[in-house]
């Protein structure tokens, strides 16, 4: 009889406990929201992040983040995008302020610039080849190049 009573008690106690533990934002989400809401740029414009619209984990332990910036009355002021490395740091967000508060706009800012300000690898925009080691331009000594191989 004791076993039945224990089984019935567990049946009614465990499901609510399991449901409560999985609800609400994760600690990563709470930390990101606190960081964004403490930013001077948002505070100066009277905006804050009410909730994260997108907080998706990718394969490489990073999160893709998107949120809408609102004022105290809930009027949309702009959008914010960023990335976070799990348990480490959050990248400085890109912010697009709406031209007219309350009128949502499509995201029109360019993507991340990458390591070289958007140029990536390969030749420079002006067509000149990249320099030698460390980004320094290759030195031209005025001498003819040394022969390579046999003719």
Protein backbone atom coordinates (compact mmCIF):
# COMPACT_ATOMS: atom_id res chain seq x y z
CA UNK A 1 0.00 0.00 0.00
CA UNK A 2 2.91 2.36 0.75
CA UNK A 3 4.28 1.83 -2.75
CA UNK A 4 0.99 2.88 -4.32
CA UNK A 5 0.85 6.03 -2.20
CA UNK A 6 4.44 6.90 -3.12
CA UNK A 7 3.71 6.28 -6.82
CA UNK A 8 0.63 8.46 -6.76
CA UNK A 9 2.51 11.23 -4.94
CA UNK A 10 5.31 11.15 -7.53
CA UNK A 11 2.75 11.16 -10.33
CA UNK A 12 1.29 14.46 -9.09
CA UNK A 13 4.51 16.12 -7.90
CA UNK A 14 7.06 15.44 -10.68
CA UNK A 15 5.22 16.73 -13.80
CA UNK A 16 4.70 20.26 -12.41
CA UNK A 17 8.34 20.41 -11.31
CA UNK A 18 9.52 19.35 -14.76
CA UNK A 19 7.33 21.95 -16.42
CA UNK A 20 8.60 24.76 -14.20
CA UNK A 21 12.25 24.01 -14.83
CA UNK A 22 11.96 24.39 -18.65
CA UNK A 23 10.06 27.69 -18.79
CA UNK A 24 11.41 31.18 -19.31
CA UNK A 25 14.60 32.58 -20.82
CA UNK A 26 17.92 30.83 -20.30
CA UNK A 27 20.75 32.34 -18.29
CA UNK A 28 22.50 33.23 -21.58
CA UNK A 29 19.41 35.14 -22.76
CA UNK A 30 19.06 36.98 -19.45
CA UNK A 31 22.72 37.97 -19.53
CA UNK A 32 22.48 39.24 -23.12
CA UNK A 33 19.35 41.29 -22.37
CA UNK A 34 21.01 42.83 -19.29
CA UNK A 35 24.08 43.78 -21.37
CA UNK A 36 22.00 45.35 -24.13
CA UNK A 37 19.75 47.26 -21.73
CA UNK A 38 22.82 48.72 -20.01
CA UNK A 39 24.19 50.17 -23.28
CA UNK A 40 24.60 53.96 -23.27
CA UNK A 41 23.20 54.31 -26.79
CA UNK A 42 19.90 52.67 -25.82
CA UNK A 43 19.63 54.55 -22.52
CA UNK A 44 20.29 57.94 -24.19
CA UNK A 45 17.48 57.35 -26.69
CA UNK A 46 15.10 56.05 -24.02
CA UNK A 47 14.95 52.54 -25.45
CA UNK A 48 15.31 49.06 -24.06
CA UNK A 49 15.02 45.44 -25.12
CA UNK A 50 11.80 43.90 -23.84
CA UNK A 51 12.49 40.42 -25.23
CA UNK A 52 14.75 38.69 -27.72
CA UNK A 53 12.92 37.83 -30.93
CA UNK A 54 15.67 35.48 -32.10
CA UNK A 55 18.18 33.61 -29.96
CA UNK A 56 19.26 30.66 -32.09
CA UNK A 57 22.15 28.40 -31.28
CA UNK A 58 24.32 27.47 -34.24
CA UNK A 59 26.70 24.53 -34.62
CA UNK A 60 29.82 26.44 -33.56
CA UNK A 61 28.63 27.31 -29.99
CA UNK A 62 27.47 30.75 -31.06
CA UNK A 63 24.04 32.32 -30.84
CA UNK A 64 22.45 34.56 -33.45
CA UNK A 65 20.52 37.35 -31.70
CA UNK A 66 17.83 39.75 -32.93
CA UNK A 67 15.64 42.06 -30.86
CA UNK A 68 13.40 45.06 -31.23
CA UNK A 69 14.18 48.23 -29.29
CA UNK A 70 11.11 49.85 -27.72
CA UNK A 71 10.47 52.86 -25.49
CA UNK A 72 8.68 52.90 -22.12
CA UNK A 73 5.29 52.94 -23.91
CA UNK A 74 6.17 49.94 -26.08
CA UNK A 75 6.62 52.02 -29.26
CA UNK A 76 9.25 50.41 -31.53
CA UNK A 77 12.34 52.61 -31.95
CA UNK A 78 14.67 50.28 -33.85
CA UNK A 79 16.20 46.84 -34.29
CA UNK A 80 19.32 45.22 -32.92
CA UNK A 81 21.38 42.27 -34.17
CA UNK A 82 24.36 40.60 -32.58
CA UNK A 83 26.07 37.29 -31.90
CA UNK A 84 27.20 35.61 -28.69
CA UNK A 85 29.79 32.92 -28.06
CA UNK A 86 28.32 30.53 -25.49
CA UNK A 87 29.63 31.26 -21.98
CA UNK A 88 32.13 33.83 -23.24
CA UNK A 89 31.15 37.18 -24.76
CA UNK A 90 28.61 39.09 -26.85
CA UNK A 91 29.65 40.98 -29.97
CA UNK A 92 28.91 44.70 -30.15
CA UNK A 93 25.42 44.86 -31.66
CA UNK A 94 24.50 46.50 -34.94
CA UNK A 95 21.60 48.88 -34.36
CA UNK A 96 19.18 50.26 -36.92
CA UNK A 97 17.07 53.13 -35.58
CA UNK A 98 13.74 53.63 -37.32
CA UNK A 99 13.34 56.94 -39.15
CA UNK A 100 9.87 57.36 -37.61
CA UNK A 101 9.30 55.80 -34.16
CA UNK A 102 6.50 53.26 -34.29
CA UNK A 103 6.92 52.49 -38.00
CA UNK A 104 8.85 49.26 -38.41
CA UNK A 105 11.34 49.07 -41.27
CA UNK A 106 13.13 46.24 -43.03
CA UNK A 107 16.71 45.64 -41.94
CA UNK A 108 18.87 47.63 -44.34
CA UNK A 109 22.28 47.66 -42.66
CA UNK A 110 25.01 45.56 -44.27
CA UNK A 111 26.12 42.28 -42.73
CA UNK A 112 29.19 41.80 -40.60
CA UNK A 113 32.33 43.29 -42.14
CA UNK A 114 34.50 40.29 -41.42
CA UNK A 115 38.22 40.28 -40.69
CA UNK A 116 39.14 42.81 -43.34
CA UNK A 117 36.29 45.29 -43.27
CA UNK A 118 34.12 43.40 -45.74
CA UNK A 119 36.85 42.73 -48.30
CA UNK A 120 37.51 39.19 -47.19
CA UNK A 121 40.30 37.27 -48.87
CA UNK A 122 41.67 37.85 -52.35
CA UNK A 123 42.56 41.01 -54.22
CA UNK A 124 41.84 44.49 -53.00
CA UNK A 125 38.96 46.48 -54.53
CA UNK A 126 41.35 48.63 -56.61
CA UNK A 127 42.74 45.48 -58.26
CA UNK A 128 46.17 45.69 -56.66
CA UNK A 129 47.43 42.44 -55.17
CA UNK A 130 47.69 42.12 -51.42
CA UNK A 131 51.00 42.88 -49.75
CA UNK A 132 53.56 40.56 -48.20
CA UNK A 133 53.57 39.19 -44.66
CA UNK A 134 51.61 41.05 -42.01
CA UNK A 135 49.72 43.16 -44.54
CA UNK A 136 52.78 45.23 -45.46
CA UNK A 137 53.19 46.00 -49.16
CA UNK A 138 55.68 43.81 -51.00
CA UNK A 139 59.03 45.58 -51.48
CA UNK A 140 60.23 46.08 -55.04
CA UNK A 141 64.04 46.11 -55.05
CA UNK A 142 64.29 47.02 -58.74
CA UNK A 143 66.22 43.80 -59.47
CA UNK A 144 65.10 41.25 -61.97
CA UNK A 145 63.47 38.25 -60.41
CA UNK A 146 65.68 35.23 -59.74
CA UNK A 147 65.29 32.43 -62.25
CA UNK A 148 63.02 29.62 -61.16
CA UNK A 149 63.61 26.17 -62.61
CA UNK A 150 65.29 25.09 -65.79
CA UNK A 151 64.51 26.11 -69.33
